[in-house]
């Protein structure tokens, strides 16, 4: 999935960043922005929800509902905002 060898090509231009939770409402003007690969994000959320259903008796019981997926997406995006990153939904 994705662009072959993209990470290897971009790695020389990368910088390591340590994210810390922000307290209060910091300036939204200077907040960093994040680009999220939609299909990869959907895959990530789906498997996070699937792994939380370890108690399921079979694979069909483990499949998350659309409501569970939506809740997981919103919770993840809110957590990202707690680190001071601006989130845009288009």
N, C-alpha and C. Protein backbone atom coordinates (compact mmCIF):
# COMPACT_ATOMS: atom_id res chain seq x y z
N UNK A 1 0.84 -1.16 0.00
CA UNK A 1 0.00 0.00 0.00
C UNK A 1 0.90 1.24 0.00
N UNK A 2 0.51 2.25 -0.72
CA UNK A 2 1.27 3.49 -0.72
C UNK A 2 2.27 3.56 -1.86
N UNK A 3 3.20 4.47 -1.74
CA UNK A 3 4.20 4.70 -2.77
C UNK A 3 5.45 3.89 -2.42
N UNK A 4 5.88 2.99 -3.33
CA UNK A 4 7.05 2.17 -3.04
C UNK A 4 8.29 3.01 -2.74
N UNK A 5 8.98 2.65 -1.67
CA UNK A 5 10.24 3.26 -1.23
C UNK A 5 10.14 4.74 -0.89
N UNK A 6 8.92 5.25 -0.63
CA UNK A 6 8.76 6.67 -0.30
C UNK A 6 9.50 7.03 0.98
N UNK A 7 9.38 6.19 2.00
CA UNK A 7 10.05 6.47 3.26
C UNK A 7 11.56 6.55 3.08
N UNK A 8 12.12 5.61 2.33
CA UNK A 8 13.56 5.61 2.09
C UNK A 8 14.00 6.87 1.32
N UNK A 9 13.18 7.31 0.39
CA UNK A 9 13.51 8.51 -0.38
C UNK A 9 13.43 9.79 0.46
N UNK A 10 12.48 9.85 1.38
CA UNK A 10 12.30 11.05 2.19
C UNK A 10 13.15 11.07 3.46
N UNK A 11 13.66 9.94 3.86
CA UNK A 11 14.42 9.83 5.11
C UNK A 11 15.56 10.85 5.23
N UNK A 12 16.35 11.10 4.18
CA UNK A 12 17.43 12.08 4.32
C UNK A 12 16.94 13.50 4.65
N UNK A 13 15.70 13.81 4.38
CA UNK A 13 15.15 15.14 4.63
C UNK A 13 14.39 15.23 5.95
N UNK A 14 14.31 14.14 6.66
CA UNK A 14 13.51 14.08 7.89
C UNK A 14 14.23 14.71 9.08
N UNK A 15 13.45 15.19 10.01
CA UNK A 15 13.97 15.67 11.29
C UNK A 15 13.19 14.99 12.39
N UNK A 16 13.89 14.64 13.44
CA UNK A 16 13.23 13.98 14.56
C UNK A 16 12.59 15.04 15.45
N UNK A 17 11.36 14.78 15.84
CA UNK A 17 10.60 15.73 16.67
C UNK A 17 10.06 14.98 17.87
N UNK A 18 10.16 15.60 19.03
CA UNK A 18 9.57 15.02 20.23
C UNK A 18 8.30 15.79 20.53
N UNK A 19 7.17 15.10 20.50
CA UNK A 19 5.87 15.74 20.72
C UNK A 19 5.54 15.69 22.20
N UNK A 20 5.07 16.80 22.72
CA UNK A 20 4.64 16.87 24.12
C UNK A 20 3.22 17.43 24.15
N UNK A 21 2.46 16.95 25.10
CA UNK A 21 1.08 17.44 25.24
C UNK A 21 1.12 18.92 25.60
N UNK A 22 0.21 19.68 24.98
CA UNK A 22 0.11 21.11 25.23
C UNK A 22 -0.86 21.36 26.36
N UNK A 23 -0.58 22.34 27.17
CA UNK A 23 -1.51 22.71 28.24
C UNK A 23 -2.18 24.01 27.87
N UNK A 24 -3.47 24.05 28.01
CA UNK A 24 -4.20 25.26 27.66
C UNK A 24 -4.31 25.40 26.16
N UNK A 25 -4.84 26.50 25.72
CA UNK A 25 -5.02 26.75 24.30
C UNK A 25 -3.86 27.57 23.79
N UNK A 26 -2.85 26.91 23.24
CA UNK A 26 -1.70 27.63 22.70
C UNK A 26 -2.08 28.28 21.38
N UNK A 27 -1.24 29.10 20.88
CA UNK A 27 -1.52 29.82 19.64
C UNK A 27 -1.74 28.84 18.49
N UNK A 28 -2.95 28.85 17.94
CA UNK A 28 -3.27 27.95 16.83
C UNK A 28 -2.60 28.40 15.55
N UNK A 29 -2.19 29.67 15.49
CA UNK A 29 -1.53 30.19 14.29
C UNK A 29 -0.19 29.51 14.06
N UNK A 30 0.53 29.23 15.15
CA UNK A 30 1.86 28.65 15.01
C UNK A 30 1.88 27.13 15.19
N UNK A 31 0.71 26.52 15.29
CA UNK A 31 0.64 25.08 15.49
C UNK A 31 1.12 24.33 14.25
N UNK A 32 1.87 23.23 14.46
CA UNK A 32 2.29 22.44 13.30
C UNK A 32 1.11 21.76 12.63
N UNK A 33 1.27 21.47 11.37
CA UNK A 33 0.23 20.77 10.63
C UNK A 33 0.72 19.38 10.28
N UNK A 34 -0.19 18.48 10.11
CA UNK A 34 0.13 17.08 9.85
C UNK A 34 -0.68 16.61 8.66
N UNK A 35 -0.02 15.94 7.73
CA UNK A 35 -0.72 15.35 6.59
C UNK A 35 -0.88 13.87 6.88
N UNK A 36 -2.11 13.39 6.78
CA UNK A 36 -2.40 11.99 7.08
C UNK A 36 -2.81 11.28 5.80
N UNK A 37 -2.15 10.16 5.53
CA UNK A 37 -2.50 9.32 4.40
C UNK A 37 -3.82 8.60 4.74
N UNK A 38 -4.90 8.97 4.06
CA UNK A 38 -6.23 8.46 4.37
C UNK A 38 -6.35 6.94 4.39
N UNK A 39 -5.92 6.23 3.32
CA UNK A 39 -6.05 4.78 3.34
C UNK A 39 -5.22 4.13 4.46
N UNK A 40 -4.02 4.65 4.71
CA UNK A 40 -3.19 4.09 5.77
C UNK A 40 -3.81 4.36 7.14
N UNK A 41 -4.42 5.55 7.29
CA UNK A 41 -5.08 5.90 8.55
C UNK A 41 -6.28 4.98 8.79
N UNK A 42 -7.07 4.72 7.75
CA UNK A 42 -8.22 3.82 7.86
C UNK A 42 -7.75 2.42 8.25
N UNK A 43 -6.68 1.95 7.64
CA UNK A 43 -6.11 0.63 7.96
C UNK A 43 -5.67 0.60 9.42
N UNK A 44 -4.97 1.65 9.86
CA UNK A 44 -4.48 1.74 11.23
C UNK A 44 -5.64 1.69 12.22
N UNK A 45 -6.66 2.51 12.00
CA UNK A 45 -7.82 2.56 12.91
C UNK A 45 -8.55 1.23 12.92
N UNK A 46 -8.74 0.64 11.73
CA UNK A 46 -9.44 -0.65 11.66
C UNK A 46 -8.73 -1.71 12.50
N UNK A 47 -7.41 -1.80 12.35
CA UNK A 47 -6.68 -2.83 13.09
C UNK A 47 -6.52 -2.50 14.57
N UNK A 48 -6.55 -1.23 14.94
CA UNK A 48 -6.58 -0.87 16.36
C UNK A 48 -7.88 -1.35 16.99
N UNK A 49 -8.99 -1.12 16.29
CA UNK A 49 -10.30 -1.57 16.78
C UNK A 49 -10.38 -3.10 16.80
N UNK A 50 -9.86 -3.72 15.76
CA UNK A 50 -9.89 -5.18 15.68
C UNK A 50 -9.10 -5.81 16.81
N UNK A 51 -7.94 -5.23 17.13
CA UNK A 51 -7.11 -5.79 18.20
C UNK A 51 -7.74 -5.60 19.58
N UNK A 52 -8.61 -4.61 19.71
CA UNK A 52 -9.26 -4.41 21.00
C UNK A 52 -10.41 -5.39 21.22
N UNK A 53 -10.76 -6.17 20.21
CA UNK A 53 -11.83 -7.17 20.32
C UNK A 53 -11.25 -8.56 20.54
N UNK A 54 -10.24 -8.65 21.38
CA UNK A 54 -9.57 -9.94 21.63
C UNK A 54 -10.51 -10.96 22.29
N UNK A 55 -11.57 -10.48 22.90
CA UNK A 55 -12.52 -11.36 23.58
C UNK A 55 -13.50 -12.05 22.62
N UNK A 56 -13.48 -11.66 21.35
CA UNK A 56 -14.44 -12.21 20.38
C UNK A 56 -14.22 -13.71 20.18
N UNK A 57 -15.30 -14.42 19.99
CA UNK A 57 -15.24 -15.87 19.81
C UNK A 57 -14.77 -16.25 18.40
N UNK A 58 -15.02 -15.38 17.41
CA UNK A 58 -14.59 -15.67 16.05
C UNK A 58 -14.31 -14.36 15.31
N UNK A 59 -13.83 -14.48 14.09
CA UNK A 59 -13.43 -13.30 13.31
C UNK A 59 -14.60 -12.38 13.02
N UNK A 60 -15.77 -12.93 12.79
CA UNK A 60 -16.93 -12.09 12.48
C UNK A 60 -17.38 -11.27 13.68
N UNK A 61 -17.25 -11.82 14.86
CA UNK A 61 -17.60 -11.06 16.07
C UNK A 61 -16.60 -9.94 16.33
N UNK A 62 -15.38 -10.11 15.87
CA UNK A 62 -14.32 -9.14 16.12
C UNK A 62 -14.40 -7.92 15.21
N UNK A 63 -15.10 -8.02 14.09
CA UNK A 63 -15.16 -6.92 13.13
C UNK A 63 -15.85 -5.72 13.80
N UNK A 64 -15.17 -4.56 13.82
CA UNK A 64 -15.77 -3.38 14.47
C UNK A 64 -16.91 -2.80 13.64
N UNK A 65 -17.85 -2.18 14.31
CA UNK A 65 -18.96 -1.52 13.62
C UNK A 65 -18.48 -0.17 13.10
N UNK A 66 -19.27 0.44 12.22
CA UNK A 66 -18.93 1.77 11.72
C UNK A 66 -18.89 2.78 12.87
N UNK A 67 -19.78 2.62 13.83
CA UNK A 67 -19.81 3.52 14.98
C UNK A 67 -18.52 3.41 15.79
N UNK A 68 -18.04 2.18 15.99
CA UNK A 68 -16.79 1.99 16.73
C UNK A 68 -15.61 2.61 15.97
N UNK A 69 -15.60 2.44 14.66
CA UNK A 69 -14.54 3.02 13.85
C UNK A 69 -14.57 4.54 13.92
N UNK A 70 -15.76 5.12 13.82
CA UNK A 70 -15.90 6.57 13.89
C UNK A 70 -15.45 7.11 15.24
N UNK A 71 -15.82 6.43 16.32
CA UNK A 71 -15.39 6.85 17.65
C UNK A 71 -13.88 6.79 17.78
N UNK A 72 -13.27 5.76 17.23
CA UNK A 72 -11.81 5.61 17.30
C UNK A 72 -11.11 6.72 16.51
N UNK A 73 -11.66 7.07 15.35
CA UNK A 73 -11.08 8.14 14.53
C UNK A 73 -11.13 9.47 15.30
N UNK A 74 -12.29 9.80 15.84
CA UNK A 74 -12.45 11.06 16.56
C UNK A 74 -11.53 11.09 17.78
N UNK A 75 -11.46 10.00 18.53
CA UNK A 75 -10.60 9.95 19.71
C UNK A 75 -9.14 10.14 19.33
N UNK A 76 -8.71 9.52 18.23
CA UNK A 76 -7.32 9.65 17.79
C UNK A 76 -7.01 11.07 17.36
N UNK A 77 -7.92 11.69 16.63
CA UNK A 77 -7.71 13.07 16.17
C UNK A 77 -7.70 14.06 17.34
N UNK A 78 -8.54 13.83 18.33
CA UNK A 78 -8.53 14.68 19.52
C UNK A 78 -7.21 14.53 20.27
N UNK A 79 -6.72 13.30 20.35
CA UNK A 79 -5.43 13.08 21.01
C UNK A 79 -4.30 13.79 20.26
N UNK A 80 -4.34 13.78 18.95
CA UNK A 80 -3.34 14.49 18.16
C UNK A 80 -3.42 16.00 18.44
N UNK A 81 -4.63 16.54 18.54
CA UNK A 81 -4.79 17.95 18.87
C UNK A 81 -4.23 18.29 20.25
N UNK A 82 -4.27 17.32 21.18
CA UNK A 82 -3.69 17.55 22.51
C UNK A 82 -2.19 17.81 22.45
N UNK A 83 -1.56 17.41 21.36
CA UNK A 83 -0.13 17.64 21.18
C UNK A 83 0.13 18.96 20.45
N UNK A 84 -0.92 19.73 20.20
CA UNK A 84 -0.76 21.03 19.58
C UNK A 84 -0.76 21.03 18.07
N UNK A 85 -1.14 19.91 17.47
CA UNK A 85 -1.17 19.82 16.00
C UNK A 85 -2.57 20.21 15.52
N UNK A 86 -2.62 21.05 14.51
CA UNK A 86 -3.91 21.44 13.95
C UNK A 86 -4.47 20.32 13.08
N UNK A 87 -5.74 20.03 13.25
CA UNK A 87 -6.40 18.98 12.48
C UNK A 87 -7.43 19.64 11.58
N UNK A 88 -7.38 19.32 10.31
CA UNK A 88 -8.35 19.81 9.33
C UNK A 88 -9.11 18.62 8.79
N UNK A 89 -10.40 18.73 8.70
CA UNK A 89 -11.23 17.68 8.12
C UNK A 89 -11.88 18.28 6.88
N UNK A 90 -11.64 17.63 5.75
CA UNK A 90 -12.21 18.15 4.50
C UNK A 90 -13.22 17.17 3.95
